[in-house]
C-alpha atoms as a PDB file:
ATOM      1  CA  MET A   1       0.000   0.000   0.000  1.00  0.00           C
ATOM      2  CA  ARG A   2       1.238   3.471  -0.876  1.00  0.00           C
ATOM      3  CA  LYS A   3       2.210   5.879   1.906  1.00  0.00           C
ATOM      4  CA  SER A   4       0.206   9.047   2.400  1.00  0.00           C
ATOM      5  CA  LYS A   5       1.970  12.395   2.149  1.00  0.00           C
ATOM      6  CA  LEU A   6       1.744  12.847   5.897  1.00  0.00           C
ATOM      7  CA  GLU A   7       3.288   9.429   6.540  1.00  0.00           C
ATOM      8  CA  SER A   8       6.018  10.248   4.047  1.00  0.00           C
ATOM      9  CA  TYR A   9       6.774  13.595   5.733  1.00  0.00           C
ATOM     10  CA  GLN A  10       6.873  11.921   9.135  1.00  0.00           C
ATOM     11  CA  GLU A  11       9.213   9.211   7.873  1.00  0.00           C
ATOM     12  CA  ILE A  12      11.581  11.831   6.405  1.00  0.00           C
ATOM     13  CA  LEU A  13      11.581  13.843   9.631  1.00  0.00           C
ATOM     14  CA  GLU A  14      12.257  10.696  11.678  1.00  0.00           C
ATOM     15  CA  ALA A  15      15.197   9.711   9.480  1.00  0.00           C
ATOM     16  CA  LEU A  16      16.677  13.211   9.578  1.00  0.00           C
ATOM     17  CA  SER A  17      16.177  13.559  13.332  1.00  0.00           C
ATOM     18  CA  GLU A  18      18.802  10.865  13.842  1.00  0.00           C
ATOM     19  CA  LYS A  19      21.525  12.384  11.625  1.00  0.00           C
ATOM     20  CA  LEU A  20      22.298  14.529   8.597  1.00  0.00           C
ATOM     21  CA  LEU A  21      21.646  12.613   5.376  1.00  0.00           C
ATOM     22  CA  THR A  22      22.288  13.085   1.688  1.00  0.00           C
ATOM     23  CA  ILE A  23      19.376  12.672  -0.682  1.00  0.00           C
ATOM     24  CA  ASP A  24      20.624   9.207  -1.680  1.00  0.00           C
ATOM     25  CA  ALA A  25      20.963   8.050   1.924  1.00  0.00           C
ATOM     26  CA  LEU A  26      17.571   9.523   2.781  1.00  0.00           C
ATOM     27  CA  SER A  27      16.036   7.813  -0.234  1.00  0.00           C
ATOM     28  CA  TYR A  28      17.424   4.511   1.000  1.00  0.00           C
ATOM     29  CA  GLU A  29      16.308   5.116   4.611  1.00  0.00           C
ATOM     30  CA  THR A  30      12.743   5.998   3.623  1.00  0.00           C
ATOM     31  CA  ASN A  31      12.489   3.654   0.633  1.00  0.00           C
ATOM     32  CA  THR A  32      11.339   6.580  -1.519  1.00  0.00           C
ATOM     33  CA  ASP A  33      12.153   7.466  -5.111  1.00  0.00           C
ATOM     34  CA  CYS A  34      14.617  10.386  -5.337  1.00  0.00           C
ATOM     35  CA  ALA A  35      12.307  12.511  -7.513  1.00  0.00           C
ATOM     36  CA  LEU A  36       9.378  12.125  -5.107  1.00  0.00           C
ATOM     37  CA  LEU A  37      11.695  12.602  -2.148  1.00  0.00           C
ATOM     38  CA  ARG A  38      12.950  15.877  -3.639  1.00  0.00           C
ATOM     39  CA  GLN A  39       9.321  17.121  -3.858  1.00  0.00           C
ATOM     40  CA  ARG A  40       8.683  16.164  -0.233  1.00  0.00           C
ATOM     41  CA  LEU A  41      11.922  17.844   0.887  1.00  0.00           C
ATOM     42  CA  ASN A  42      11.071  21.022  -1.021  1.00  0.00           C
ATOM     43  CA  PHE A  43       7.737  21.183   0.812  1.00  0.00           C
ATOM     44  CA  LEU A  44       9.421  20.603   4.178  1.00  0.00           C
ATOM     45  CA  MET A  45      12.076  23.250   3.431  1.00  0.00           C
ATOM     46  CA  LYS A  46       9.464  25.743   2.216  1.00  0.00           C
ATOM     47  CA  ASN A  47       7.641  25.341   5.541  1.00  0.00           C
ATOM     48  CA  GLY A  48      10.772  25.702   7.662  1.00  0.00           C
ATOM     49  CA  LEU A  49      10.924  22.115   8.915  1.00  0.00           C
ATOM     50  CA  VAL A  50      14.084  20.957   7.113  1.00  0.00           C
ATOM     51  CA  ALA A  51      17.252  22.741   5.958  1.00  0.00           C
ATOM     52  CA  GLU A  52      19.650  21.941   3.155  1.00  0.00           C
ATOM     53  CA  ARG A  53      23.330  22.160   4.145  1.00  0.00           C
ATOM     54  CA  THR A  54      26.207  22.079   1.686  1.00  0.00           C
ATOM     55  CA  SER A  55      29.769  21.303   2.730  1.00  0.00           C
ATOM     56  CA  ARG A  56      32.686  19.865   0.782  1.00  0.00           C
ATOM     57  CA  ARG A  57      30.664  19.324  -2.383  1.00  0.00           C
ATOM     58  CA  LYS A  58      28.154  17.312  -0.351  1.00  0.00           C
ATOM     59  CA  THR A  59      24.554  18.378   0.174  1.00  0.00           C
ATOM     60  CA  GLN A  60      22.893  17.057   3.302  1.00  0.00           C
ATOM     61  CA  PHE A  61      19.557  17.668   4.945  1.00  0.00           C
ATOM     62  CA  ALA A  62      18.796  18.345   8.604  1.00  0.00           C
ATOM     63  CA  VAL A  63      15.690  18.770  10.723  1.00  0.00           C
ATOM     64  CA  LEU A  64      15.187  22.263  12.102  1.00  0.00           C
ATOM     65  CA  GLU A  65      13.739  22.988  15.550  1.00  0.00           C
ATOM     66  CA  ARG A  66      10.287  23.520  14.066  1.00  0.00           C
ATOM     67  CA  GLY A  67      10.552  20.174  12.240  1.00  0.00           C
ATOM     68  CA  GLY A  68      11.409  18.446  15.507  1.00  0.00           C
ATOM     69  CA  ALA A  69       8.328  19.937  17.146  1.00  0.00           C
ATOM     70  CA  VAL A  70       6.118  18.788  14.267  1.00  0.00           C
ATOM     71  CA  LEU A  71       7.656  15.309  14.463  1.00  0.00           C
ATOM     72  CA  LYS A  72       6.889  15.118  18.186  1.00  0.00           C
ATOM     73  CA  ALA A  73       3.282  16.145  17.552  1.00  0.00           C
ATOM     74  CA  LEU A  74       2.881  13.550  14.804  1.00  0.00           C
ATOM     75  CA  THR A  75       4.411  10.864  17.009  1.00  0.00           C
ATOM     76  CA  VAL A  76       2.054  11.683  19.879  1.00  0.00           C
ATOM     77  CA  GLN A  77      -0.896  11.620  17.492  1.00  0.00           C
ATOM     78  CA  LYS A  78       0.155   8.195  16.197  1.00  0.00           C
ATOM     79  CA  GLN A  79       0.458   6.875  19.778  1.00  0.00           C
ATOM     80  CA  LEU A  80      -2.979   8.244  20.670  1.00  0.00           C
ATOM     81  CA  GLU A  81      -4.466   6.488  17.631  1.00  0.00           C
ATOM     82  CA  LYS A  82      -3.008   3.179  18.865  1.00  0.00           C
ATOM     83  CA  VAL A  83      -4.440   3.757  22.351  1.00  0.00           C
ATOM     84  CA  LYS A  84      -7.819   4.595  20.830  1.00  0.00           C
ATOM     85  CA  GLU A  85      -7.802   1.393  18.764  1.00  0.00           C
ATOM     86  CA  THR A  86      -6.887  -0.630  21.861  1.00  0.00           C
ATOM     87  CA  ILE A  87      -9.702   0.941  23.869  1.00  0.00           C
ATOM     88  CA  ILE A  88     -12.220   0.280  21.097  1.00  0.00           C
ATOM     89  CA  ALA A  89     -11.078  -3.343  20.797  1.00  0.00           C
ATOM     90  CA  THR A  90     -11.270  -3.784  24.579  1.00  0.00           C
ATOM     91  CA  ASP A  91     -14.723  -2.191  24.674  1.00  0.00           C
ATOM     92  CA  GLU A  92     -15.977  -4.481  21.918  1.00  0.00           C
ATOM     93  CA  THR A  93     -14.612  -7.511  23.784  1.00  0.00           C
ATOM     94  CA  ALA A  94     -16.271  -6.335  27.004  1.00  0.00           C
ATOM     95  CA  GLN A  95     -19.611  -6.082  25.203  1.00  0.00           C
ATOM     96  CA  ILE A  96     -19.295  -9.584  23.733  1.00  0.00           C
ATOM     97  CA  MET A  97     -18.252 -11.292  26.971  1.00  0.00           C
ATOM     98  CA  PRO A  98     -21.512 -10.688  28.918  1.00  0.00           C
ATOM     99  CA  ILE A  99     -23.519 -11.993  25.980  1.00  0.00           C
ATOM    100  CA  ALA A 100     -21.408 -15.129  25.782  1.00  0.00           C
ATOM    101  CA  SER A 101     -21.609 -15.748  29.544  1.00  0.00           C
ATOM    102  CA  ARG A 102     -25.412 -15.229  29.542  1.00  0.00           C
ATOM    103  CA  ARG A 103     -25.767 -17.801  26.785  1.00  0.00           C
ATOM    104  CA  HIS A 104     -23.620 -20.226  28.778  1.00  0.00           C
ATOM    105  CA  PHE A 105     -25.886 -19.915  31.847  1.00  0.00           C
ATOM    106  CA  GLU A 106     -29.086 -20.107  29.764  1.00  0.00           C
ATOM    107  CA  THR A 107     -28.074 -23.486  28.302  1.00  0.00           C
ATOM    108  CA  GLU A 108     -27.407 -25.076  31.693  1.00  0.00           C
END
C-alpha cells in the first residue's frame, strides 16, 4: 500500500532527526524514489521544517527545531491512535463477553 503524504513527511523527519543525510541516503532510509523525495523535501524546506546544508561538495539535509516539534506532535498523534484502537477493541470484547456468559448460563 502506498504511503500518504503525511506518513512520508513523518518518515523523512524521523530519518533526519537521527543524523544529517544526503538525498541518496535519505532515499534509501525511507524507501522513496529520489524525484518524489525531492518534492517532499522542497515542501518541508518551504515550511521551515528541514534545511539543506552544503559542505565539501556534499549536500545534506537536517531537521530544524520547528521540524522536531512537528515530528513530536505527529508521534504523539500516532500513539494516541493506537491507544484509541486498543480501547475500542477492549470495549468491543467487554460487550461480547456478557452476551457469551449469559448464553452459557441459559443453556445449563
